[in-house]
Amino acid sequence: MSKLQTLDKRQHRAADLIAPSELLKAQDIANMLDTAVKIPFIGVRVGLDFLVGLIPGIGDSLMLFMSLRIVYLGRKLGVPKALQTRMLRNSLIDYGLGFIPILGDIVDLFYKANKKNVRIMERWWVGQNKPEIDKLAAQQLADWEAKQG
């Protein structure tokens, strides 16, 4: 087998395990909402959820709709109902905290509901694909070791 055929085969195996588009979109949304910008001097990362949430009333409502998009993507991905419920609870807690003046904004700096929801999705997806992920990792290690020796 030629080197090119081996490379093509390896790329095909890796392509089979690329995270689904729903998960990738959810990751992008969560990064934008929770960690897009680093506050200088403090070192805390914030996103649109914190910044838009500073607008009384409407800001938190707008961000809830964005957060619910992540829950929807989880549903579309096939995340079980129990995990979807947990994701919805995280979003509603974040929304509810936003209505507490000043304290809600401070808590929003540290409570990253969207990142939590994406982690739930990631853990579920990895759990569903663990044998394939392990097989691919073992193959990549074997390929690397073969190159070394």
Protein backbone atom coordinates (compact mmCIF):
# COMPACT_ATOMS: atom_id res chain seq x y z
CA MET A 1 0.00 0.00 0.00
CA SER A 2 1.41 3.39 -0.96
CA LYS A 3 1.99 6.20 1.51
CA LEU A 4 -0.77 8.20 -0.20
CA GLN A 5 -3.30 5.37 0.17
CA THR A 6 -2.41 5.07 3.86
CA LEU A 7 -2.84 8.83 4.32
CA ASP A 8 -6.19 8.77 2.51
CA LYS A 9 -7.39 5.89 4.67
CA ARG A 10 -6.30 7.68 7.88
CA GLN A 11 -7.98 10.91 6.82
CA HIS A 12 -11.17 8.99 6.04
CA ARG A 13 -11.17 7.43 9.54
CA ALA A 14 -10.60 10.84 11.14
CA ALA A 15 -13.33 12.41 8.99
CA ASP A 16 -15.79 9.79 10.24
CA LEU A 17 -15.27 11.07 13.79
CA ILE A 18 -15.47 14.81 13.25
CA ALA A 19 -17.94 16.29 15.69
CA PRO A 20 -21.38 16.85 14.13
CA SER A 21 -22.28 20.31 12.87
CA GLU A 22 -24.84 20.79 15.67
CA LEU A 23 -22.13 20.36 18.29
CA LEU A 24 -19.70 22.63 16.45
CA LYS A 25 -22.37 25.34 16.10
CA ALA A 26 -23.25 25.03 19.79
CA GLN A 27 -19.56 25.44 20.70
CA ASP A 28 -19.31 28.57 18.56
CA ILE A 29 -22.46 30.08 20.08
CA ALA A 30 -21.33 29.29 23.64
CA ASN A 31 -17.92 30.87 23.02
CA MET A 32 -19.57 34.00 21.63
CA LEU A 33 -22.06 34.22 24.50
CA ASP A 34 -19.79 33.31 27.41
CA THR A 35 -16.10 33.87 26.64
CA ALA A 36 -15.60 36.07 23.56
CA VAL A 37 -13.66 38.88 25.28
CA LYS A 38 -11.11 38.95 28.09
CA ILE A 39 -11.51 41.85 30.53
CA PRO A 40 -8.11 43.54 30.95
CA PHE A 41 -6.52 43.58 34.42
CA ILE A 42 -9.12 41.16 35.84
CA GLY A 43 -8.44 38.33 33.39
CA VAL A 44 -12.06 37.14 33.36
CA ARG A 45 -13.51 36.18 29.99
CA VAL A 46 -17.00 37.45 29.15
CA GLY A 47 -19.25 37.29 26.14
CA LEU A 48 -22.39 38.79 24.75
CA ASP A 49 -24.45 37.20 27.52
CA PHE A 50 -22.76 39.41 30.10
CA LEU A 51 -22.51 42.52 27.94
CA VAL A 52 -26.04 42.48 26.49
CA GLY A 53 -27.35 41.28 29.86
CA LEU A 54 -26.38 44.67 31.29
CA ILE A 55 -29.36 46.13 29.40
CA PRO A 56 -32.22 45.87 31.91
CA GLY A 57 -34.99 43.41 31.01
CA ILE A 58 -34.57 43.02 27.28
CA GLY A 59 -30.87 42.08 27.42
CA ASP A 60 -31.43 38.93 29.45
CA SER A 61 -34.46 37.98 27.35
CA LEU A 62 -32.46 38.26 24.12
CA MET A 63 -29.69 36.14 25.58
CA LEU A 64 -32.18 33.50 26.73
CA PHE A 65 -33.24 33.02 23.12
CA MET A 66 -29.61 32.56 22.10
CA SER A 67 -29.09 30.11 24.95
CA LEU A 68 -32.18 28.16 23.90
CA ARG A 69 -30.60 27.78 20.45
CA ILE A 70 -27.92 25.62 22.09
CA VAL A 71 -30.61 23.51 23.78
CA TYR A 72 -32.34 23.15 20.39
CA LEU A 73 -29.06 22.03 18.77
CA GLY A 74 -28.70 19.44 21.53
CA ARG A 75 -32.17 18.15 20.77
CA LYS A 76 -31.38 18.05 17.05
CA LEU A 77 -28.17 16.13 17.83
CA GLY A 78 -30.17 13.51 19.72
CA VAL A 79 -29.19 14.36 23.30
CA PRO A 80 -31.50 12.44 25.68
CA LYS A 81 -34.47 14.28 27.21
CA ALA A 82 -32.99 14.18 30.74
CA LEU A 83 -29.88 16.01 29.54
CA GLN A 84 -31.98 18.45 27.51
CA THR A 85 -33.92 19.21 30.69
CA ARG A 86 -30.65 19.87 32.54
CA MET A 87 -29.53 22.17 29.74
CA LEU A 88 -32.84 24.04 29.86
CA ARG A 89 -32.51 24.39 33.64
CA ASN A 90 -29.01 25.89 33.24
CA SER A 91 -30.36 28.44 30.74
CA LEU A 92 -33.31 29.37 32.95
CA ILE A 93 -31.08 29.77 36.02
CA ASP A 94 -28.84 32.13 34.03
CA TYR A 95 -31.93 34.03 32.84
CA GLY A 96 -33.40 34.29 36.34
CA LEU A 97 -30.14 35.48 37.88
CA GLY A 98 -30.03 38.28 35.33
CA PHE A 99 -33.05 39.92 36.92
CA ILE A 100 -31.27 40.52 40.23
CA PRO A 101 -29.83 44.03 39.95
CA ILE A 102 -26.03 44.26 40.17
CA LEU A 103 -25.65 40.87 41.90
CA GLY A 104 -27.07 39.13 38.81
CA ASP A 105 -24.52 40.86 36.60
CA ILE A 106 -21.68 39.86 38.90
CA VAL A 107 -22.87 36.25 39.04
CA ASP A 108 -23.13 36.27 35.24
CA LEU A 109 -19.37 36.83 35.10
CA PHE A 110 -18.82 33.38 36.58
CA TYR A 111 -21.94 31.30 35.80
CA LYS A 112 -21.42 30.22 32.19
CA ALA A 113 -24.64 28.35 31.41
CA ASN A 114 -23.92 28.08 27.70
CA LYS A 115 -20.49 26.54 28.26
CA LYS A 116 -22.06 24.12 30.75
CA ASN A 117 -24.66 23.13 28.18
CA VAL A 118 -22.04 22.51 25.50
CA ARG A 119 -20.03 20.38 27.95
CA ILE A 120 -23.16 18.28 28.53
CA MET A 121 -23.49 17.82 24.77
CA GLU A 122 -19.79 17.03 24.34
CA ARG A 123 -19.74 14.44 27.13
CA TRP A 124 -22.82 12.74 25.71
CA TRP A 125 -21.42 12.70 22.16
CA VAL A 126 -18.02 11.36 23.29
CA GLY A 127 -19.81 8.70 25.35
CA GLN A 128 -21.78 7.63 22.29
CA ASN A 129 -18.64 7.47 20.12
CA LYS A 130 -16.01 6.31 22.65
CA PRO A 131 -15.10 3.00 20.98
CA GLU A 132 -14.51 4.72 17.65
CA ILE A 133 -12.58 7.58 19.29
CA ASP A 134 -10.39 5.11 21.20
CA LYS A 135 -9.78 3.06 18.04
CA LEU A 136 -8.80 6.16 16.08
CA ALA A 137 -6.50 7.37 18.88
CA ALA A 138 -4.82 3.94 19.08
CA GLN A 139 -4.33 3.93 15.30
CA GLN A 140 -2.87 7.43 15.33
CA LEU A 141 -0.49 6.41 18.15
CA ALA A 142 0.57 3.31 16.22
CA ASP A 143 1.15 5.44 13.08
CA TRP A 144 3.23 7.91 15.11
CA GLU A 145 5.26 5.14 16.75
CA ALA A 146 5.91 3.55 13.34
CA LYS A 147 7.30 6.88 12.10
CA GLN A 148 9.55 7.20 15.16
CA GLY A 149 11.22 3.84 14.92
